[in-house]
Protein backbone atom coordinates (compact mmCIF):
# COMPACT_ATOMS: atom_id res chain seq x y z
CA GLU A 1 -7.26 -0.98 34.80
CA ARG A 2 -6.51 -0.05 30.57
CA TYR A 3 -2.96 -1.70 30.96
CA ARG A 4 -3.84 -4.71 32.19
CA GLU A 5 -6.75 -4.95 30.05
CA TYR A 6 -5.12 -4.96 26.51
CA TRP A 7 -1.91 -6.79 28.01
CA GLN A 8 -3.95 -10.23 28.56
CA GLU A 9 -6.25 -9.06 25.75
CA TYR A 10 -2.93 -9.28 23.59
CA LEU A 11 -1.60 -12.64 25.44
CA ALA A 12 -5.00 -14.02 24.53
CA MET A 13 -4.33 -13.49 20.92
CA THR A 14 -0.36 -14.21 20.75
CA ARG A 15 -0.58 -17.15 22.80
CA ARG A 16 -0.40 -19.48 20.45
CA LYS A 17 2.28 -18.22 19.01
CA GLY A 18 4.45 -18.20 21.50
CA VAL A 19 4.31 -15.32 23.52
CA THR A 20 4.25 -15.92 27.61
CA GLU A 21 2.47 -13.22 29.84
CA GLN A 22 5.57 -11.90 31.29
CA TYR A 23 6.79 -10.79 27.75
CA ALA A 24 2.67 -9.41 27.08
CA LYS A 25 3.21 -7.55 30.18
CA LEU A 26 5.98 -6.25 28.60
CA GLU A 27 5.39 -5.28 24.76
CA MET A 28 2.53 -3.72 25.94
CA ARG A 29 4.62 -1.18 28.28
CA ARG A 30 7.46 -0.33 25.49
CA ARG A 31 6.02 -0.64 22.25
CA HIS A 32 3.70 2.32 21.06
CA THR A 33 2.66 0.28 17.92
CA LEU A 34 1.34 -2.74 20.18
CA ILE A 35 -0.37 0.12 22.16
CA GLY A 36 -1.83 2.19 19.50
CA ALA A 37 -2.87 -1.17 17.75
CA MET A 38 -4.74 -2.00 20.86
CA MET A 39 -6.55 0.90 21.33
CA ILE A 40 -7.95 0.96 18.07
CA HIS A 41 -8.54 -2.91 18.54
CA LYS A 42 -10.52 -1.97 21.49
CA GLY A 43 -12.27 1.57 20.00
CA ASN A 44 -10.72 3.74 21.94
CA ALA A 45 -8.51 5.39 18.40
CA ASP A 46 -9.92 5.27 15.56
CA GLY A 47 -6.48 5.65 13.72
CA MET A 48 -2.83 5.50 14.86
CA ILE A 49 1.48 7.07 13.56
CA CYS A 50 4.02 5.45 13.57
CA GLY A 51 7.25 5.04 12.46
CA THR A 52 9.30 7.72 13.79
CA PHE A 53 11.39 4.53 15.62
CA GLY A 54 12.37 1.44 13.95
CA THR A 55 11.60 -0.44 10.93
CA THR A 56 8.39 -0.59 9.00
CA ALA A 57 8.57 -4.72 9.33
CA LEU A 58 8.44 -4.28 13.17
CA HIS A 59 5.49 -2.03 13.18
CA LEU A 60 3.69 -3.57 11.06
CA HIS A 61 4.05 -6.88 13.04
CA TYR A 62 2.05 -5.63 15.81
CA VAL A 63 -0.69 -4.05 13.89
CA ASP A 64 -0.89 -7.57 11.99
CA GLN A 65 -0.90 -9.37 15.09
CA VAL A 66 -3.47 -6.59 16.53
CA LEU A 67 -5.32 -4.95 14.19
CA GLY A 68 -4.33 -7.91 11.23
CA LYS A 69 -5.70 -7.37 7.26
CA ARG A 70 -9.49 -6.29 6.55
CA GLU A 71 -12.06 -9.21 5.08
CA GLY A 72 -10.87 -10.10 1.56
CA VAL A 73 -7.68 -8.76 1.72
CA ASN A 74 -4.77 -10.99 1.06
CA VAL A 75 -1.47 -8.24 1.13
CA TYR A 76 -0.25 -5.42 3.12
CA ALA A 77 1.41 -2.75 1.58
CA ALA A 78 2.87 1.26 1.93
CA MET A 79 0.83 4.51 0.61
CA ASN A 80 2.89 7.37 0.25
CA ALA A 81 1.54 10.94 -0.85
CA LEU A 82 3.22 13.54 -1.83
CA ILE A 83 1.70 16.80 -1.22
CA LEU A 84 3.52 19.66 -3.92
CA PRO A 85 2.69 23.13 -4.89
CA ASP A 86 0.92 21.69 -7.79
CA ARG A 87 0.18 18.18 -7.52
CA GLN A 88 -0.16 15.68 -5.45
CA ILE A 89 1.31 12.18 -5.80
CA VAL A 90 1.04 8.66 -3.88
CA LEU A 91 3.43 5.88 -4.73
CA VAL A 92 2.64 2.73 -3.93
CA ASP A 93 4.42 -0.02 -2.34
CA THR A 94 7.07 1.77 -1.14
CA HIS A 95 8.33 -0.12 2.27
CA VAL A 96 6.33 -3.78 2.27
CA ASN A 97 6.69 -6.40 -0.53
CA GLU A 98 10.30 -6.21 -2.15
CA ASN A 99 8.63 -7.91 -5.13
CA PRO A 100 5.20 -8.45 -5.86
CA THR A 101 3.31 -10.92 -8.16
CA ALA A 102 0.88 -8.86 -10.91
CA GLU A 103 -2.21 -10.23 -8.28
CA GLN A 104 -0.95 -8.55 -5.18
CA LEU A 105 0.11 -5.65 -7.20
CA ALA A 106 -3.53 -5.23 -8.74
CA GLU A 107 -4.58 -5.51 -5.04
CA ILE A 108 -2.69 -2.81 -3.55
CA THR A 109 -3.72 -1.18 -6.52
CA MET A 110 -7.07 -0.45 -5.71
CA MET A 111 -6.70 -0.51 -2.33
CA ALA A 112 -4.65 2.84 -3.38
CA ALA A 113 -7.26 4.20 -5.20
CA GLU A 114 -9.82 3.50 -2.86
CA GLU A 115 -7.87 5.77 -0.06
CA MET A 116 -7.07 8.28 -2.70
CA ARG A 117 -10.91 8.47 -3.22
CA ARG A 118 -11.77 8.42 0.57
CA PHE A 119 -9.46 11.59 0.99
CA GLY A 120 -11.55 13.32 -2.22
CA VAL A 121 -9.01 12.70 -5.00
CA CYS A 122 -9.86 10.58 -8.19
CA PRO A 123 -6.69 8.39 -8.89
CA ARG A 124 -5.07 8.37 -12.25
CA VAL A 125 -2.66 5.45 -12.16
CA ALA A 126 0.04 5.01 -14.01
CA LEU A 127 2.08 1.17 -13.77
CA LEU A 128 5.60 2.30 -14.02
CA SER A 129 8.49 -0.22 -15.52
CA HIS A 130 11.57 0.62 -17.11
CA SER A 131 9.69 -0.80 -20.33
CA ASN A 132 7.37 1.69 -21.59
CA PHE A 133 4.53 0.51 -23.14
CA GLY A 134 6.11 -3.05 -24.28
CA SER A 135 9.88 -2.40 -25.16
CA SER A 136 11.32 -4.77 -22.99
CA ASN A 137 9.94 -8.33 -22.10
CA SER A 138 11.49 -8.78 -18.59
CA GLU A 139 10.08 -10.75 -16.04
CA SER A 140 9.17 -6.87 -14.38
CA ALA A 141 7.16 -5.94 -17.72
CA LYS A 142 5.90 -8.81 -18.17
CA LYS A 143 4.06 -8.27 -14.86
CA MET A 144 3.52 -5.02 -14.98
CA ARG A 145 1.17 -5.88 -18.30
CA THR A 146 -0.53 -8.79 -16.26
CA ALA A 147 -1.27 -6.14 -13.32
CA LEU A 148 -2.58 -3.90 -16.04
CA ALA A 149 -4.76 -6.63 -17.10
CA ILE A 150 -6.34 -7.71 -14.27
CA LEU A 151 -7.29 -3.90 -12.79
CA GLN A 152 -8.71 -3.99 -16.23
CA GLU A 153 -10.89 -6.67 -15.58
CA ARG A 154 -11.33 -5.72 -11.90
CA ALA A 155 -12.28 -2.54 -11.57
CA PRO A 156 -13.06 -1.28 -15.37
CA ASP A 157 -13.58 2.39 -14.75
CA LEU A 158 -10.34 3.24 -13.15
CA GLU A 159 -8.19 5.61 -14.70
CA ILE A 160 -5.13 3.43 -15.74
CA ASP A 161 -2.29 2.82 -18.51
CA GLY A 162 0.67 1.25 -18.42
CA GLU A 163 3.60 0.06 -18.27
CA MET A 164 5.32 3.29 -18.69
CA HIS A 165 8.29 5.03 -18.28
CA GLY A 166 7.85 7.86 -15.23
CA ASP A 167 8.29 11.00 -17.28
CA ALA A 168 5.48 9.50 -19.15
CA ALA A 169 3.85 9.16 -16.44
CA LEU A 170 3.78 12.32 -15.30
CA ASP A 171 4.19 14.56 -18.58
CA PRO A 172 0.56 14.03 -20.05
CA ALA A 173 2.27 16.21 -23.62
CA LEU A 174 4.82 13.63 -24.07
CA LEU A 175 2.16 10.36 -23.01
CA LYS A 176 -0.01 11.02 -25.49
CA SER A 177 2.55 12.07 -27.99
CA MET A 178 3.96 8.04 -27.55
CA MET A 179 0.31 6.91 -26.63
CA PRO A 180 -2.38 8.88 -28.19
CA ASP A 181 -5.17 6.61 -27.17
CA SER A 182 -3.87 6.75 -23.70
CA PRO A 183 -6.90 6.30 -21.34
CA LEU A 184 -4.77 8.81 -19.39
CA LYS A 185 -6.53 12.44 -19.62
CA ARG A 186 -3.85 13.97 -17.26
CA ASP A 187 -1.25 13.27 -15.89
CA ALA A 188 -0.65 10.79 -13.24
CA ASN A 189 -1.35 10.93 -9.95
CA LEU A 190 -0.55 6.96 -8.34
CA LEU A 191 2.26 5.72 -9.27
CA VAL A 192 2.41 2.02 -8.71
CA LEU A 193 6.14 0.24 -8.51
CA PRO A 194 6.48 -2.82 -10.02
CA ASN A 195 9.11 -3.71 -6.74
CA ILE A 196 10.59 -2.20 -3.47
CA ASP A 197 13.44 -0.92 -5.74
């Protein structure tokens, strides 16, 4: 009975995109991410884990079709958390946006910081780059500077600095030797990458 309910609702959601009844039935039988997304949509689940098989784009396709973005959000992003013996580090965006704009990076950073707070972790953000505090004027370095300016305006309470090298982000003594007035008081735990590479 639930299967019928799920494929019918999926068909209604995607009919304008050319999904047929036969295809909706087939997909609802074989796509675990689609089934999980529909379970969340219908209130039968609070969350799901996916990705053991298939690509990020494939999984995101079904999540987008069924759940979509939260109101006010314009971009999807991946967030990876490393739980290490002496620290936790979150990296964004590692799988979704090939070359996000400064605006997208700002939105991704704010969403990641919000998720970290939900886990009880205070975010300390480093905007990473091959450029270290203006040592380059490449497009990606300028993009990270623009993202910093956007974030300072939209999230003034966020502990953030950049653009910087990864070693400066993770070593507070090195950071202080280069930038004594850095707003980062400790090592960064949210590393924002300029592109998917």
